[in-house]
PDB file of N, CA and C in Angstrom:
ATOM      1  N   UNK A   1     -33.048  67.747 -72.045  1.00  0.00           N
ATOM      2  CA  UNK A   1     -31.888  68.506 -72.493  1.00  0.00           C
ATOM      3  C   UNK A   1     -31.596  69.629 -71.496  1.00  0.00           C
ATOM      4  N   UNK A   2     -30.342  69.978 -71.383  1.00  0.00           N
ATOM      5  CA  UNK A   2     -29.896  70.979 -70.418  1.00  0.00           C
ATOM      6  C   UNK A   2     -29.238  72.153 -71.128  1.00  0.00           C
ATOM      7  N   UNK A   3     -29.300  73.303 -70.471  1.00  0.00           N
ATOM      8  CA  UNK A   3     -28.513  74.462 -70.879  1.00  0.00           C
ATOM      9  C   UNK A   3     -27.354  74.559 -69.903  1.00  0.00           C
ATOM     10  N   UNK A   4     -26.149  74.768 -70.417  1.00  0.00           N
ATOM     11  CA  UNK A   4     -24.961  74.869 -69.569  1.00  0.00           C
ATOM     12  C   UNK A   4     -24.675  76.348 -69.341  1.00  0.00           C
ATOM     13  N   UNK A   5     -24.809  76.765 -68.083  1.00  0.00           N
ATOM     14  CA  UNK A   5     -24.569  78.167 -67.741  1.00  0.00           C
ATOM     15  C   UNK A   5     -23.244  78.302 -67.011  1.00  0.00           C
ATOM     16  N   UNK A   6     -22.397  79.151 -67.537  1.00  0.00           N
ATOM     17  CA  UNK A   6     -21.158  79.518 -66.858  1.00  0.00           C
ATOM     18  C   UNK A   6     -21.550  80.599 -65.862  1.00  0.00           C
ATOM     19  N   UNK A   7     -21.676  80.212 -64.596  1.00  0.00           N
ATOM     20  CA  UNK A   7     -22.177  81.110 -63.565  1.00  0.00           C
ATOM     21  C   UNK A   7     -21.090  82.054 -63.075  1.00  0.00           C
ATOM     22  N   UNK A   8     -19.917  81.500 -62.773  1.00  0.00           N
ATOM     23  CA  UNK A   8     -18.766  82.290 -62.331  1.00  0.00           C
ATOM     24  C   UNK A   8     -17.510  81.733 -62.967  1.00  0.00           C
ATOM     25  N   UNK A   9     -16.582  82.620 -63.266  1.00  0.00           N
ATOM     26  CA  UNK A   9     -15.325  82.200 -63.881  1.00  0.00           C
ATOM     27  C   UNK A   9     -14.365  81.629 -62.848  1.00  0.00           C
ATOM     28  N   UNK A  10     -14.342  82.212 -61.673  1.00  0.00           N
ATOM     29  CA  UNK A  10     -13.378  81.786 -60.662  1.00  0.00           C
ATOM     30  C   UNK A  10     -12.049  82.474 -60.890  1.00  0.00           C
ATOM     31  N   UNK A  11     -11.012  81.977 -60.229  1.00  0.00           N
ATOM     32  CA  UNK A  11      -9.708  82.639 -60.290  1.00  0.00           C
ATOM     33  C   UNK A  11      -8.830  82.151 -61.439  1.00  0.00           C
ATOM     34  N   UNK A  12      -9.217  81.079 -62.093  1.00  0.00           N
ATOM     35  CA  UNK A  12      -8.419  80.517 -63.192  1.00  0.00           C
ATOM     36  C   UNK A  12      -9.031  80.884 -64.543  1.00  0.00           C
ATOM     37  N   UNK A  13      -9.169  82.172 -64.796  1.00  0.00           N
ATOM     38  CA  UNK A  13      -9.850  82.658 -65.991  1.00  0.00           C
ATOM     39  C   UNK A  13      -9.250  82.096 -67.282  1.00  0.00           C
ATOM     40  N   UNK A  14      -7.943  82.075 -67.380  1.00  0.00           N
ATOM     41  CA  UNK A  14      -7.282  81.592 -68.599  1.00  0.00           C
ATOM     42  C   UNK A  14      -7.587  80.112 -68.827  1.00  0.00           C
ATOM     43  N   UNK A  15      -7.554  79.325 -67.757  1.00  0.00           N
ATOM     44  CA  UNK A  15      -7.866  77.893 -67.865  1.00  0.00           C
ATOM     45  C   UNK A  15      -9.303  77.691 -68.331  1.00  0.00           C
ATOM     46  N   UNK A  16     -10.225  78.486 -67.814  1.00  0.00           N
ATOM     47  CA  UNK A  16     -11.632  78.380 -68.202  1.00  0.00           C
ATOM     48  C   UNK A  16     -11.800  78.761 -69.673  1.00  0.00           C
ATOM     49  N   UNK A  17     -11.124  79.806 -70.107  1.00  0.00           N
ATOM     50  CA  UNK A  17     -11.178  80.212 -71.518  1.00  0.00           C
ATOM     51  C   UNK A  17     -10.695  79.078 -72.414  1.00  0.00           C
ATOM     52  N   UNK A  18      -9.605  78.434 -72.041  1.00  0.00           N
ATOM     53  CA  UNK A  18      -9.068  77.322 -72.834  1.00  0.00           C
ATOM     54  C   UNK A  18     -10.060  76.166 -72.920  1.00  0.00           C
ATOM     55  N   UNK A  19     -10.720  75.851 -71.811  1.00  0.00           N
ATOM     56  CA  UNK A  19     -11.692  74.752 -71.801  1.00  0.00           C
ATOM     57  C   UNK A  19     -12.905  75.097 -72.664  1.00  0.00           C
ATOM     58  N   UNK A  20     -13.401  76.326 -72.557  1.00  0.00           N
ATOM     59  CA  UNK A  20     -14.536  76.749 -73.389  1.00  0.00           C
ATOM     60  C   UNK A  20     -14.158  76.658 -74.862  1.00  0.00           C
ATOM     61  N   UNK A  21     -12.976  77.123 -75.196  1.00  0.00           N
ATOM     62  CA  UNK A  21     -12.488  77.064 -76.579  1.00  0.00           C
ATOM     63  C   UNK A  21     -12.450  75.621 -77.077  1.00  0.00           C
ATOM     64  N   UNK A  22     -11.902  74.729 -76.265  1.00  0.00           N
ATOM     65  CA  UNK A  22     -11.780  73.313 -76.630  1.00  0.00           C
ATOM     66  C   UNK A  22     -13.152  72.644 -76.766  1.00  0.00           C
ATOM     67  N   UNK A  23     -14.020  72.847 -75.789  1.00  0.00           N
ATOM     68  CA  UNK A  23     -15.315  72.161 -75.773  1.00  0.00           C
ATOM     69  C   UNK A  23     -16.252  72.627 -76.879  1.00  0.00           C
ATOM     70  N   UNK A  24     -16.230  73.918 -77.180  1.00  0.00           N
ATOM     71  CA  UNK A  24     -17.170  74.463 -78.153  1.00  0.00           C
ATOM     72  C   UNK A  24     -16.575  74.598 -79.553  1.00  0.00           C
ATOM     73  N   UNK A  25     -15.262  74.467 -79.677  1.00  0.00           N
ATOM     74  CA  UNK A  25     -14.621  74.584 -80.981  1.00  0.00           C
ATOM     75  C   UNK A  25     -14.698  75.999 -81.544  1.00  0.00           C
ATOM     76  N   UNK A  26     -14.615  76.986 -80.660  1.00  0.00           N
ATOM     77  CA  UNK A  26     -14.669  78.388 -81.090  1.00  0.00           C
ATOM     78  C   UNK A  26     -13.265  78.989 -81.049  1.00  0.00           C
ATOM     79  N   UNK A  27     -13.137  80.180 -81.616  1.00  0.00           N
ATOM     80  CA  UNK A  27     -11.835  80.852 -81.607  1.00  0.00           C
ATOM     81  C   UNK A  27     -11.530  81.370 -80.200  1.00  0.00           C
ATOM     82  N   UNK A  28     -10.281  81.694 -79.963  1.00  0.00           N
ATOM     83  CA  UNK A  28      -9.868  82.216 -78.662  1.00  0.00           C
ATOM     84  C   UNK A  28     -10.605  83.512 -78.299  1.00  0.00           C
ATOM     85  N   UNK A  29     -10.737  84.484 -79.218  1.00  0.00           N
ATOM     86  CA  UNK A  29     -11.485  85.700 -78.867  1.00  0.00           C
ATOM     87  C   UNK A  29     -12.958  85.416 -78.523  1.00  0.00           C
ATOM     88  N   UNK A  30     -13.578  84.464 -79.246  1.00  0.00           N
ATOM     89  CA  UNK A  30     -14.972  84.111 -78.954  1.00  0.00           C
ATOM     90  C   UNK A  30     -15.094  83.490 -77.565  1.00  0.00           C
ATOM     91  N   UNK A  31     -14.180  82.587 -77.234  1.00  0.00           N
ATOM     92  CA  UNK A  31     -14.187  81.941 -75.923  1.00  0.00           C
ATOM     93  C   UNK A  31     -13.972  82.978 -74.824  1.00  0.00           C
ATOM     94  N   UNK A  32     -13.051  83.898 -75.046  1.00  0.00           N
ATOM     95  CA  UNK A  32     -12.766  84.954 -74.057  1.00  0.00           C
ATOM     96  C   UNK A  32     -14.003  85.818 -73.829  1.00  0.00           C
ATOM     97  N   UNK A  33     -14.694  86.187 -74.910  1.00  0.00           N
ATOM     98  CA  UNK A  33     -15.911  86.996 -74.791  1.00  0.00           C
ATOM     99  C   UNK A  33     -16.980  86.271 -73.971  1.00  0.00           C
ATOM    100  N   UNK A  34     -17.164  84.976 -74.241  1.00  0.00           N
ATOM    101  CA  UNK A  34     -18.153  84.191 -73.496  1.00  0.00           C
ATOM    102  C   UNK A  34     -17.829  84.167 -72.013  1.00  0.00           C
ATOM    103  N   UNK A  35     -16.574  83.907 -71.700  1.00  0.00           N
ATOM    104  CA  UNK A  35     -16.151  83.796 -70.303  1.00  0.00           C
ATOM    105  C   UNK A  35     -16.307  85.139 -69.595  1.00  0.00           C
ATOM    106  N   UNK A  36     -15.969  86.222 -70.257  1.00  0.00           N
ATOM    107  CA  UNK A  36     -16.052  87.542 -69.629  1.00  0.00           C
ATOM    108  C   UNK A  36     -17.489  88.005 -69.419  1.00  0.00           C
ATOM    109  N   UNK A  37     -18.453  87.404 -70.129  1.00  0.00           N
ATOM    110  CA  UNK A  37     -19.860  87.778 -69.988  1.00  0.00           C
ATOM    111  C   UNK A  37     -20.573  86.979 -68.899  1.00  0.00           C
ATOM    112  N   UNK A  38     -19.850  86.134 -68.173  1.00  0.00           N
ATOM    113  CA  UNK A  38     -20.475  85.290 -67.140  1.00  0.00           C
ATOM    114  C   UNK A  38     -21.250  86.137 -66.161  1.00  0.00           C
ATOM    115  N   UNK A  39     -22.426  85.739 -65.735  1.00  0.00           N
ATOM    116  CA  UNK A  39     -23.079  84.460 -66.046  1.00  0.00           C
ATOM    117  C   UNK A  39     -23.699  84.472 -67.448  1.00  0.00           C
ATOM    118  N   UNK A  40     -23.467  83.399 -68.186  1.00  0.00           N
ATOM    119  CA  UNK A  40     -23.979  83.278 -69.546  1.00  0.00           C
ATOM    120  C   UNK A  40     -24.158  81.809 -69.911  1.00  0.00           C
ATOM    121  N   UNK A  41     -25.085  81.541 -70.806  1.00  0.00           N
ATOM    122  CA  UNK A  41     -25.295  80.189 -71.311  1.00  0.00           C
ATOM    123  C   UNK A  41     -24.222  79.941 -72.379  1.00  0.00           C
ATOM    124  N   UNK A  42     -23.364  78.939 -72.161  1.00  0.00           N
ATOM    125  CA  UNK A  42     -22.321  78.653 -73.145  1.00  0.00           C
ATOM    126  C   UNK A  42     -22.786  77.637 -74.179  1.00  0.00           C
ATOM    127  N   UNK A  43     -23.753  76.791 -73.801  1.00  0.00           N
ATOM    128  CA  UNK A  43     -24.299  75.835 -74.768  1.00  0.00           C
ATOM    129  C   UNK A  43     -25.696  75.445 -74.317  1.00  0.00           C
ATOM    130  N   UNK A  44     -26.629  75.412 -75.259  1.00  0.00           N
ATOM    131  CA  UNK A  44     -28.027  75.103 -74.941  1.00  0.00           C
ATOM    132  C   UNK A  44     -28.440  73.776 -75.576  1.00  0.00           C
ATOM    133  N   UNK A  45     -29.406  73.110 -74.951  1.00  0.00           N
ATOM    134  CA  UNK A  45     -29.975  71.888 -75.509  1.00  0.00           C
ATOM    135  C   UNK A  45     -29.036  70.701 -75.514  1.00  0.00           C
ATOM    136  N   UNK A  46     -28.259  70.539 -74.455  1.00  0.00           N
ATOM    137  CA  UNK A  46     -27.263  69.465 -74.387  1.00  0.00           C
ATOM    138  C   UNK A  46     -27.863  68.279 -73.632  1.00  0.00           C
ATOM    139  N   UNK A  47     -27.622  67.068 -74.127  1.00  0.00           N
ATOM    140  CA  UNK A  47     -28.127  65.864 -73.465  1.00  0.00           C
ATOM    141  C   UNK A  47     -27.400  65.640 -72.134  1.00  0.00           C
ATOM    142  N   UNK A  48     -28.021  64.889 -71.241  1.00  0.00           N
ATOM    143  CA  UNK A  48     -27.555  64.686 -69.878  1.00  0.00           C
ATOM    144  C   UNK A  48     -26.095  64.330 -69.704  1.00  0.00           C
ATOM    145  N   UNK A  49     -25.634  63.255 -70.358  1.00  0.00           N
ATOM    146  CA  UNK A  49     -24.249  62.806 -70.180  1.00  0.00           C
ATOM    147  C   UNK A  49     -23.249  63.839 -70.692  1.00  0.00           C
ATOM    148  N   UNK A  50     -23.548  64.414 -71.839  1.00  0.00           N
ATOM    149  CA  UNK A  50     -22.657  65.420 -72.418  1.00  0.00           C
ATOM    150  C   UNK A  50     -22.624  66.673 -71.533  1.00  0.00           C
ATOM    151  N   UNK A  51     -23.785  67.055 -71.018  1.00  0.00           N
ATOM    152  CA  UNK A  51     -23.858  68.225 -70.138  1.00  0.00           C
ATOM    153  C   UNK A  51     -23.032  68.001 -68.882  1.00  0.00           C
ATOM    154  N   UNK A  52     -23.114  66.815 -68.316  1.00  0.00           N
ATOM    155  CA  UNK A  52     -22.352  66.501 -67.105  1.00  0.00           C
ATOM    156  C   UNK A  52     -20.847  66.526 -67.401  1.00  0.00           C
ATOM    157  N   UNK A  53     -20.437  66.029 -68.568  1.00  0.00           N
ATOM    158  CA  UNK A  53     -19.020  66.051 -68.957  1.00  0.00           C
ATOM    159  C   UNK A  53     -18.520  67.493 -69.105  1.00  0.00           C
ATOM    160  N   UNK A  54     -19.334  68.352 -69.732  1.00  0.00           N
ATOM    161  CA  UNK A  54     -18.988  69.777 -69.857  1.00  0.00           C
ATOM    162  C   UNK A  54     -18.809  70.383 -68.474  1.00  0.00           C
ATOM    163  N   UNK A  55     -19.776  70.101 -67.588  1.00  0.00           N
ATOM    164  CA  UNK A  55     -19.745  70.673 -66.239  1.00  0.00           C
ATOM    165  C   UNK A  55     -18.478  70.254 -65.504  1.00  0.00           C
ATOM    166  N   UNK A  56     -18.115  68.987 -65.590  1.00  0.00           N
ATOM    167  CA  UNK A  56     -16.923  68.478 -64.903  1.00  0.00           C
ATOM    168  C   UNK A  56     -15.667  69.179 -65.422  1.00  0.00           C
ATOM    169  N   UNK A  57     -15.532  69.282 -66.747  1.00  0.00           N
ATOM    170  CA  UNK A  57     -14.333  69.910 -67.314  1.00  0.00           C
ATOM    171  C   UNK A  57     -14.232  71.390 -66.922  1.00  0.00           C
ATOM    172  N   UNK A  58     -15.353  72.096 -66.965  1.00  0.00           N
ATOM    173  CA  UNK A  58     -15.328  73.514 -66.593  1.00  0.00           C
ATOM    174  C   UNK A  58     -15.079  73.694 -65.102  1.00  0.00           C
ATOM    175  N   UNK A  59     -15.669  72.835 -64.289  1.00  0.00           N
ATOM    176  CA  UNK A  59     -15.462  72.905 -62.842  1.00  0.00           C
ATOM    177  C   UNK A  59     -14.004  72.605 -62.495  1.00  0.00           C
ATOM    178  N   UNK A  60     -13.429  71.620 -63.167  1.00  0.00           N
ATOM    179  CA  UNK A  60     -12.017  71.293 -62.945  1.00  0.00           C
ATOM    180  C   UNK A  60     -11.106  72.464 -63.291  1.00  0.00           C
ATOM    181  N   UNK A  61     -11.540  73.293 -64.242  1.00  0.00           N
ATOM    182  CA  UNK A  61     -10.756  74.469 -64.634  1.00  0.00           C
ATOM    183  C   UNK A  61     -10.958  75.635 -63.658  1.00  0.00           C
ATOM    184  N   UNK A  62     -11.900  75.488 -62.720  1.00  0.00           N
ATOM    185  CA  UNK A  62     -12.090  76.521 -61.718  1.00  0.00           C
ATOM    186  C   UNK A  62     -13.379  77.317 -61.853  1.00  0.00           C
ATOM    187  N   UNK A  63     -14.213  76.988 -62.838  1.00  0.00           N
ATOM    188  CA  UNK A  63     -15.456  77.724 -63.051  1.00  0.00           C
ATOM    189  C   UNK A  63     -16.581  77.163 -62.181  1.00  0.00           C
ATOM    190  N   UNK A  64     -17.598  77.978 -61.989  1.00  0.00           N
ATOM    191  CA  UNK A  64     -18.830  77.522 -61.355  1.00  0.00           C
ATOM    192  C   UNK A  64     -19.858  77.381 -62.469  1.00  0.00           C
ATOM    193  N   UNK A  65     -20.425  76.177 -62.597  1.00  0.00           N
ATOM    194  CA  UNK A  65     -21.316  75.865 -63.707  1.00  0.00           C
ATOM    195  C   UNK A  65     -22.669  75.399 -63.162  1.00  0.00           C
ATOM    196  N   UNK A  66     -23.745  75.837 -63.805  1.00  0.00           N
ATOM    197  CA  UNK A  66     -25.088  75.422 -63.446  1.00  0.00           C
ATOM    198  C   UNK A  66     -25.737  74.781 -64.663  1.00  0.00           C
ATOM    199  N   UNK A  67     -26.349  73.628 -64.459  1.00  0.00           N
ATOM    200  CA  UNK A  67     -27.126  72.991 -65.528  1.00  0.00           C
ATOM    201  C   UNK A  67     -28.579  73.359 -65.305  1.00  0.00           C
ATOM    202  N   UNK A  68     -29.203  73.901 -66.343  1.00  0.00           N
ATOM    203  CA  UNK A  68     -30.608  74.325 -66.232  1.00  0.00           C
ATOM    204  C   UNK A  68     -31.485  73.499 -67.132  1.00  0.00           C
TER     205      UNK A  68
END
């Protein structure tokens, strides 16, 4: 299992917030708080394929993501 760490937001902060909101099913203020606290673990204990899918979506939005 992997922990998904949002390492850097990048220049597309709003896009990253939207992706975090969509992937985690949290409210907009919760997603914004998570993104603004980067580097932070956005989800822990994720299986390999799901973790890779999260990483791809966040990276496409402009974030830097690390799987730990």
